[in-house]
C-alpha atoms as a PDB file:
ATOM      1  CA  MET A   1      28.854  12.300 -16.799  1.00  0.00           C
ATOM      2  CA  GLY A   2      27.275  10.328 -13.898  1.00  0.00           C
ATOM      3  CA  ASN A   3      25.108   7.316 -14.289  1.00  0.00           C
ATOM      4  CA  ASN A   4      22.205   5.956 -12.242  1.00  0.00           C
ATOM      5  CA  LYS A   5      24.353   3.282 -10.586  1.00  0.00           C
ATOM      6  CA  THR A   6      26.611   5.972  -9.170  1.00  0.00           C
ATOM      7  CA  LYS A   7      23.614   7.921  -7.850  1.00  0.00           C
ATOM      8  CA  ARG A   8      22.164   4.811  -6.246  1.00  0.00           C
ATOM      9  CA  ARG A   9      25.439   3.805  -4.637  1.00  0.00           C
ATOM     10  CA  THR A  10      26.174   7.218  -3.186  1.00  0.00           C
ATOM     11  CA  ALA A  11      22.608   7.640  -1.984  1.00  0.00           C
ATOM     12  CA  GLY A  12      22.987   4.571   0.184  1.00  0.00           C
ATOM     13  CA  ARG A  13      26.201   5.914   1.684  1.00  0.00           C
ATOM     14  CA  GLY A  14      24.946   9.241   2.945  1.00  0.00           C
ATOM     15  CA  GLY A  15      25.059  11.023  -0.419  1.00  0.00           C
ATOM     16  CA  ALA A  16      22.249  13.143  -1.819  1.00  0.00           C
ATOM     17  CA  MET A  17      19.223  11.044  -2.775  1.00  0.00           C
ATOM     18  CA  ASP A  18      18.016  11.351  -6.337  1.00  0.00           C
ATOM     19  CA  PRO A  19      14.295  12.326  -6.034  1.00  0.00           C
ATOM     20  CA  GLU A  20      13.278   9.981  -8.876  1.00  0.00           C
ATOM     21  CA  PHE A  21      15.119   7.077  -7.300  1.00  0.00           C
ATOM     22  CA  ASP A  22      13.596   7.864  -3.900  1.00  0.00           C
ATOM     23  CA  SER A  23      10.046   7.673  -5.342  1.00  0.00           C
ATOM     24  CA  LEU A  24      10.891   4.436  -7.110  1.00  0.00           C
ATOM     25  CA  THR A  25      12.277   2.974  -3.900  1.00  0.00           C
ATOM     26  CA  ALA A  26       9.178   4.031  -1.977  1.00  0.00           C
ATOM     27  CA  ALA A  27       6.865   2.554  -4.625  1.00  0.00           C
ATOM     28  CA  LEU A  28       8.758  -0.746  -4.676  1.00  0.00           C
ATOM     29  CA  ARG A  29       8.697  -0.978  -0.897  1.00  0.00           C
ATOM     30  CA  GLN A  30       4.973  -0.252  -0.840  1.00  0.00           C
ATOM     31  CA  MET A  31       4.333  -2.923  -3.490  1.00  0.00           C
ATOM     32  CA  HIS A  32       6.456  -5.441  -1.587  1.00  0.00           C
ATOM     33  CA  ASP A  33       4.653  -4.692   1.676  1.00  0.00           C
ATOM     34  CA  SER A  34       1.221  -5.043   0.093  1.00  0.00           C
ATOM     35  CA  ILE A  35       2.160  -8.382  -1.472  1.00  0.00           C
ATOM     36  CA  THR A  36       3.672  -9.778   1.713  1.00  0.00           C
ATOM     37  CA  ASN A  37       0.538  -8.827   3.635  1.00  0.00           C
ATOM     38  CA  GLU A  38      -1.770 -10.718   1.260  1.00  0.00           C
ATOM     39  CA  PRO A  39      -3.149 -14.014   2.531  1.00  0.00           C
ATOM     40  CA  VAL A  40      -1.782 -17.190   0.965  1.00  0.00           C
ATOM     41  CA  PRO A  41      -4.303 -18.532  -1.594  1.00  0.00           C
ATOM     42  CA  GLU A  42      -6.213 -21.631  -0.473  1.00  0.00           C
ATOM     43  CA  ASP A  43      -5.186 -23.558  -3.626  1.00  0.00           C
ATOM     44  CA  PHE A  44      -1.534 -22.949  -2.793  1.00  0.00           C
ATOM     45  CA  LEU A  45      -2.013 -24.154   0.787  1.00  0.00           C
ATOM     46  CA  ASP A  46      -3.729 -27.299  -0.533  1.00  0.00           C
ATOM     47  CA  LEU A  47      -0.793 -27.928  -2.851  1.00  0.00           C
ATOM     48  CA  LEU A  48       1.655 -27.558   0.043  1.00  0.00           C
ATOM     49  CA  ASP A  49      -0.405 -30.033   2.083  1.00  0.00           C
ATOM     50  CA  GLN A  50      -0.274 -32.544  -0.776  1.00  0.00           C
ATOM     51  CA  ILE A  51       3.500 -32.157  -1.069  1.00  0.00           C
ATOM     52  CA  ASP A  52       3.936 -32.591   2.696  1.00  0.00           C
ATOM     53  CA  ALA A  53       1.788 -35.740   2.609  1.00  0.00           C
ATOM     54  CA  LYS A  54       3.911 -37.226  -0.196  1.00  0.00           C
ATOM     55  CA  PHE A  55       7.157 -36.458   1.629  1.00  0.00           C
ATOM     56  CA  SER A  56       5.798 -37.958   4.840  1.00  0.00           C
ATOM     57  CA  ALA A  57       4.701 -41.093   3.014  1.00  0.00           C
ATOM     58  CA  SER A  58       8.081 -41.478   1.281  1.00  0.00           C
ATOM     59  CA  LYS A  59       9.951 -41.109   4.611  1.00  0.00           C
ATOM     60  CA  LYS A  60       7.904 -43.963   6.112  1.00  0.00           C
ATOM     61  CA  PHE A  61       9.138 -46.292   3.373  1.00  0.00           C
ATOM     62  CA  SER A  62      12.797 -45.207   3.574  1.00  0.00           C
END
């Protein structure tokens, strides 16, 4: 009786790819790619700027 971990491991080593796992892999890659291609929200960039300003100010006093 095989389990999914065995199928996944052998698929990565030249074994037969489980069709369900292959579709899941493709969907996860597509989701990852779409997220990484999204622009960074302006609020998040503002927050990073505020953090950088605080670190810069604290280094001046160190």
